[in-house]
Amino acid sequence: MDQPAAIAALNALAQDTRMAVFRRLVRAGPRGMAAGALAAAVGAVPSTLSHHLALLERAGLITSARAGRSLIYAADYAGTRALLAFLMEDCCQGAPEICAPDPALACAEA
């Protein structure tokens, strides 16, 4: 990930509703959530939520897929890992083990 992409991703997360949506989708796992269920879960108006979802998707933090008449949104784990890697790439002055993720915090992708 380059700096402009990282700035876009961080900008996308720098708003209450978008942060709530992103965190909810991370918790939902790879199967994601339907847009309507997501709106109800975060207390957002569906018409407003679509704007937030589009911004998060353009930033590479979530994905969408059509399932029949529904849109299913999911966290984009590759995009999220790329953002985290960009933020941590200069970490630790040559001692990367200091910045290694805590195994207790890791979650498995299904």
C-alpha atoms as a PDB file:
ATOM      1  CA  MET A   1       0.000   0.000   0.000  1.00  0.00           C
ATOM      2  CA  ASP A   2       1.248   3.479  -0.782  1.00  0.00           C
ATOM      3  CA  GLN A   3       0.770   6.625   1.275  1.00  0.00           C
ATOM      4  CA  PRO A   4      -2.205   8.054  -0.678  1.00  0.00           C
ATOM      5  CA  ALA A   5      -4.088   4.755  -0.321  1.00  0.00           C
ATOM      6  CA  ALA A   6      -3.303   4.622   3.403  1.00  0.00           C
ATOM      7  CA  ILE A   7      -4.538   8.190   3.843  1.00  0.00           C
ATOM      8  CA  ALA A   8      -7.776   7.324   2.006  1.00  0.00           C
ATOM      9  CA  ALA A   9      -8.297   4.267   4.232  1.00  0.00           C
ATOM     10  CA  LEU A  10      -7.629   6.212   7.418  1.00  0.00           C
ATOM     11  CA  ASN A  11      -9.914   9.002   6.228  1.00  0.00           C
ATOM     12  CA  ALA A  12     -12.654   6.454   5.584  1.00  0.00           C
ATOM     13  CA  LEU A  13     -12.355   5.217   9.164  1.00  0.00           C
ATOM     14  CA  ALA A  14     -12.280   8.711  10.661  1.00  0.00           C
ATOM     15  CA  GLN A  15     -16.050   8.979  11.090  1.00  0.00           C
ATOM     16  CA  ASP A  16     -18.290   7.387  13.744  1.00  0.00           C
ATOM     17  CA  THR A  17     -20.714   5.502  11.490  1.00  0.00           C
ATOM     18  CA  ARG A  18     -18.007   4.203   9.161  1.00  0.00           C
ATOM     19  CA  MET A  19     -15.883   3.028  12.086  1.00  0.00           C
ATOM     20  CA  ALA A  20     -18.922   1.266  13.586  1.00  0.00           C
ATOM     21  CA  VAL A  21     -19.690  -0.388  10.233  1.00  0.00           C
ATOM     22  CA  PHE A  22     -16.108  -1.519   9.730  1.00  0.00           C
ATOM     23  CA  ARG A  23     -15.845  -2.940  13.260  1.00  0.00           C
ATOM     24  CA  ARG A  24     -19.202  -4.719  12.875  1.00  0.00           C
ATOM     25  CA  LEU A  25     -18.069  -6.290   9.598  1.00  0.00           C
ATOM     26  CA  VAL A  26     -14.781  -7.418  11.132  1.00  0.00           C
ATOM     27  CA  ARG A  27     -16.789  -9.134  13.895  1.00  0.00           C
ATOM     28  CA  ALA A  28     -19.145 -10.670  11.323  1.00  0.00           C
ATOM     29  CA  GLY A  29     -16.263 -12.500   9.661  1.00  0.00           C
ATOM     30  CA  PRO A  30     -15.778 -13.440   6.026  1.00  0.00           C
ATOM     31  CA  ARG A  31     -19.473 -14.220   5.473  1.00  0.00           C
ATOM     32  CA  GLY A  32     -20.312 -10.561   6.062  1.00  0.00           C
ATOM     33  CA  MET A  33     -23.750  -9.043   6.538  1.00  0.00           C
ATOM     34  CA  ALA A  34     -26.637  -7.913   4.383  1.00  0.00           C
ATOM     35  CA  ALA A  35     -26.921  -4.141   4.057  1.00  0.00           C
ATOM     36  CA  GLY A  36     -30.264  -4.017   5.878  1.00  0.00           C
ATOM     37  CA  ALA A  37     -28.992  -6.038   8.826  1.00  0.00           C
ATOM     38  CA  LEU A  38     -25.881  -3.892   8.936  1.00  0.00           C
ATOM     39  CA  ALA A  39     -27.963  -0.687   9.000  1.00  0.00           C
ATOM     40  CA  ALA A  40     -30.030  -2.046  11.889  1.00  0.00           C
ATOM     41  CA  ALA A  41     -26.924  -3.217  13.771  1.00  0.00           C
ATOM     42  CA  VAL A  42     -25.234   0.180  13.693  1.00  0.00           C
ATOM     43  CA  GLY A  43     -28.405   2.276  13.876  1.00  0.00           C
ATOM     44  CA  ALA A  44     -27.947   3.939  10.508  1.00  0.00           C
ATOM     45  CA  VAL A  45     -30.522   5.071   7.966  1.00  0.00           C
ATOM     46  CA  PRO A  46     -30.145   2.794   4.897  1.00  0.00           C
ATOM     47  CA  SER A  47     -29.907   5.704   2.422  1.00  0.00           C
ATOM     48  CA  THR A  48     -27.103   7.294   4.456  1.00  0.00           C
ATOM     49  CA  LEU A  49     -25.422   3.959   5.068  1.00  0.00           C
ATOM     50  CA  SER A  50     -24.953   3.367   1.334  1.00  0.00           C
ATOM     51  CA  HIS A  51     -22.747   6.473   1.146  1.00  0.00           C
ATOM     52  CA  HIS A  52     -20.608   5.216   4.029  1.00  0.00           C
ATOM     53  CA  LEU A  53     -20.356   1.720   2.562  1.00  0.00           C
ATOM     54  CA  ALA A  54     -19.245   3.088  -0.814  1.00  0.00           C
ATOM     55  CA  LEU A  55     -16.506   5.157   0.811  1.00  0.00           C
ATOM     56  CA  LEU A  56     -15.224   2.175   2.826  1.00  0.00           C
ATOM     57  CA  GLU A  57     -15.270   0.006  -0.292  1.00  0.00           C
ATOM     58  CA  ARG A  58     -13.363   2.567  -2.371  1.00  0.00           C
ATOM     59  CA  ALA A  59     -10.785   2.732   0.425  1.00  0.00           C
ATOM     60  CA  GLY A  60     -10.226  -1.032   0.140  1.00  0.00           C
ATOM     61  CA  LEU A  61     -11.513  -1.842   3.635  1.00  0.00           C
ATOM     62  CA  ILE A  62     -14.714  -3.708   2.735  1.00  0.00           C
ATOM     63  CA  THR A  63     -16.088  -5.697  -0.187  1.00  0.00           C
ATOM     64  CA  SER A  64     -19.596  -6.245  -1.492  1.00  0.00           C
ATOM     65  CA  ALA A  65     -21.218  -9.111  -3.342  1.00  0.00           C
ATOM     66  CA  ARG A  66     -24.725  -9.593  -4.635  1.00  0.00           C
ATOM     67  CA  ALA A  67     -26.688 -12.513  -3.180  1.00  0.00           C
ATOM     68  CA  GLY A  68     -30.015 -12.618  -4.929  1.00  0.00           C
ATOM     69  CA  ARG A  69     -31.634  -9.257  -4.257  1.00  0.00           C
ATOM     70  CA  SER A  70     -29.344  -8.407  -1.333  1.00  0.00           C
ATOM     71  CA  LEU A  71     -25.922  -6.860  -1.135  1.00  0.00           C
ATOM     72  CA  ILE A  72     -23.639  -8.606   1.323  1.00  0.00           C
ATOM     73  CA  TYR A  73     -20.808  -6.545   2.768  1.00  0.00           C
ATOM     74  CA  ALA A  74     -17.721  -8.012   4.406  1.00  0.00           C
ATOM     75  CA  ALA A  75     -14.464  -6.710   5.782  1.00  0.00           C
ATOM     76  CA  ASP A  76     -11.668  -6.841   3.234  1.00  0.00           C
ATOM     77  CA  TYR A  77      -9.041  -8.576   5.347  1.00  0.00           C
ATOM     78  CA  ALA A  78      -6.329  -8.248   2.699  1.00  0.00           C
ATOM     79  CA  GLY A  79      -6.926  -4.499   2.450  1.00  0.00           C
ATOM     80  CA  THR A  80      -6.958  -4.167   6.223  1.00  0.00           C
ATOM     81  CA  ARG A  81      -3.717  -6.138   6.548  1.00  0.00           C
ATOM     82  CA  ALA A  82      -2.146  -3.923   3.864  1.00  0.00           C
ATOM     83  CA  LEU A  83      -3.082  -0.809   5.828  1.00  0.00           C
ATOM     84  CA  LEU A  84      -1.700  -2.240   9.055  1.00  0.00           C
ATOM     85  CA  ALA A  85       1.486  -3.348   7.296  1.00  0.00           C
ATOM     86  CA  PHE A  86       1.948   0.145   5.844  1.00  0.00           C
ATOM     87  CA  LEU A  87       1.500   1.710   9.284  1.00  0.00           C
ATOM     88  CA  MET A  88       3.995  -0.674  10.869  1.00  0.00           C
ATOM     89  CA  GLU A  89       6.595  -1.060   8.107  1.00  0.00           C
ATOM     90  CA  ASP A  90       9.130   1.278   9.708  1.00  0.00           C
ATOM     91  CA  CYS A  91       8.512  -0.033  13.204  1.00  0.00           C
ATOM     92  CA  CYS A  92      11.004  -1.089  15.783  1.00  0.00           C
ATOM     93  CA  GLN A  93      14.291   0.066  14.264  1.00  0.00           C
ATOM     94  CA  GLY A  94      15.183  -3.356  12.922  1.00  0.00           C
ATOM     95  CA  ALA A  95      13.623  -5.426  15.715  1.00  0.00           C
ATOM     96  CA  PRO A  96      10.360  -6.575  14.068  1.00  0.00           C
ATOM     97  CA  GLU A  97       9.563  -9.010  16.899  1.00  0.00           C
ATOM     98  CA  ILE A  98       8.616  -5.973  19.008  1.00  0.00           C
ATOM     99  CA  CYS A  99       5.834  -5.171  16.537  1.00  0.00           C
ATOM    100  CA  ALA A 100       4.721  -8.758  15.956  1.00  0.00           C
ATOM    101  CA  PRO A 101       1.003  -9.238  16.519  1.00  0.00           C
ATOM    102  CA  ASP A 102      -0.090 -10.699  19.833  1.00  0.00           C
ATOM    103  CA  PRO A 103      -1.150 -14.297  19.023  1.00  0.00           C
ATOM    104  CA  ALA A 104      -3.904 -13.986  21.625  1.00  0.00           C
ATOM    105  CA  LEU A 105      -5.502 -11.264  19.488  1.00  0.00           C
ATOM    106  CA  ALA A 106      -5.355 -13.156  16.199  1.00  0.00           C
ATOM    107  CA  CYS A 107      -8.553 -14.505  14.688  1.00  0.00           C
ATOM    108  CA  ALA A 108      -8.808 -17.234  12.090  1.00  0.00           C
ATOM    109  CA  GLU A 109     -10.469 -16.556   8.772  1.00  0.00           C
ATOM    110  CA  ALA A 110     -13.020 -19.172   7.821  1.00  0.00           C
END
